[in-house]
Amino acid sequence: MEEVLFKSEEPKNRTDVAMFLRQLADKVEAGAVTLRQGDAEQRVDIPQRLVLETKLERETKHDKEKMSLEVELEWRPGQDEETGGVELA
């Protein structure tokens, strides 16, 4: 069963997205992330080892194309993960 604790989807320009990702990277490296929007707030501790999932998708519906680049962090509390990985070029 999946429980969504926080969700946000909003249009932003590329510069603002890059700034958000840099701030998120700093928080991940520090070991805790707090997500806040209006009165909604969720804090999560980030373990030392986790799984980084990246996905580039193209979706076509009715002759319209939509691209997405997804970055997801996954972990199981109390379990360290170690895998080979993708690198940014």
Protein backbone atom coordinates (compact mmCIF):
# COMPACT_ATOMS: atom_id res chain seq x y z
CA MET A 1 0.00 0.00 0.00
CA GLU A 2 1.32 3.43 -0.93
CA GLU A 3 0.61 6.50 1.18
CA VAL A 4 1.38 9.88 -0.39
CA LEU A 5 2.71 12.13 2.39
CA PHE A 6 3.39 15.19 0.23
CA LYS A 7 2.88 16.05 -3.44
CA SER A 8 3.51 19.18 -5.46
CA GLU A 9 3.38 19.86 -9.18
CA GLU A 10 3.80 23.40 -10.43
CA PRO A 11 5.16 25.21 -13.47
CA LYS A 12 8.59 26.81 -12.97
CA ASN A 13 11.27 28.15 -15.26
CA ARG A 14 14.50 26.21 -15.76
CA THR A 15 16.53 28.54 -13.50
CA ASP A 16 14.09 28.11 -10.60
CA VAL A 17 14.06 24.32 -11.06
CA ALA A 18 17.87 24.23 -11.00
CA MET A 19 17.92 26.35 -7.83
CA PHE A 20 15.40 24.01 -6.15
CA LEU A 21 17.44 20.94 -7.12
CA ARG A 22 20.64 22.53 -5.72
CA GLN A 23 18.87 23.28 -2.43
CA LEU A 24 17.45 19.76 -2.36
CA ALA A 25 20.93 18.30 -2.99
CA ASP A 26 22.32 20.28 -0.03
CA LYS A 27 19.52 19.01 2.22
CA VAL A 28 20.01 15.40 1.07
CA GLU A 29 23.73 15.68 1.75
CA ALA A 30 22.99 17.12 5.21
CA GLY A 31 20.72 14.13 5.94
CA ALA A 32 17.25 15.70 6.28
CA VAL A 33 14.69 17.27 3.94
CA THR A 34 11.66 19.33 4.93
CA LEU A 35 9.01 19.83 2.26
CA ARG A 36 6.66 22.76 2.84
CA GLN A 37 3.78 24.25 0.86
CA GLY A 38 1.29 26.50 2.61
CA ASP A 39 0.31 24.83 5.90
CA ALA A 40 1.47 21.39 4.70
CA GLU A 41 4.89 20.29 5.92
CA GLN A 42 6.72 16.96 5.95
CA ARG A 43 10.23 16.25 7.24
CA VAL A 44 12.18 13.12 6.39
CA ASP A 45 15.60 11.90 7.48
CA ILE A 46 17.74 10.72 4.56
CA PRO A 47 19.98 7.69 5.20
CA GLN A 48 23.63 7.52 4.20
CA ARG A 49 22.93 4.86 1.53
CA LEU A 50 19.94 4.95 -0.81
CA VAL A 51 18.87 4.08 -4.35
CA LEU A 52 18.93 6.81 -7.00
CA GLU A 53 16.48 6.11 -9.83
CA THR A 54 16.57 8.23 -12.99
CA LYS A 55 14.19 7.91 -15.90
CA LEU A 56 13.76 9.80 -19.18
CA GLU A 57 10.37 9.24 -20.80
CA ARG A 58 8.57 10.29 -23.98
CA GLU A 59 4.79 10.00 -23.94
CA THR A 60 2.69 10.46 -27.07
CA LYS A 61 -1.07 10.94 -26.97
CA HIS A 62 -3.20 12.10 -29.88
CA ASP A 63 -0.17 13.37 -31.85
CA LYS A 64 1.04 15.39 -28.84
CA GLU A 65 4.37 14.60 -27.23
CA LYS A 66 5.32 15.06 -23.59
CA MET A 67 8.80 14.52 -22.17
CA SER A 68 9.70 13.90 -18.55
CA LEU A 69 12.92 13.50 -16.63
CA GLU A 70 12.30 11.85 -13.27
CA VAL A 71 14.72 11.64 -10.37
CA GLU A 72 13.64 9.49 -7.43
CA LEU A 73 15.37 8.61 -4.18
CA GLU A 74 14.36 5.34 -2.53
CA TRP A 75 15.35 3.52 0.63
CA ARG A 76 14.06 1.06 3.15
CA PRO A 77 14.43 2.32 6.71
CA GLY A 78 17.25 0.45 8.44
CA GLN A 79 18.67 -1.05 5.22
CA ASP A 80 21.78 0.25 3.44
CA GLU A 81 21.95 -0.10 -0.35
CA GLU A 82 25.04 -0.23 -2.54
CA THR A 83 24.81 -0.40 -6.31
CA GLY A 84 26.74 0.69 -9.39
CA GLY A 85 25.40 3.78 -10.96
CA VAL A 86 24.64 6.29 -13.61
CA GLU A 87 26.77 9.42 -13.89
CA LEU A 88 25.86 12.83 -15.28
CA ALA A 89 27.81 13.71 -18.42
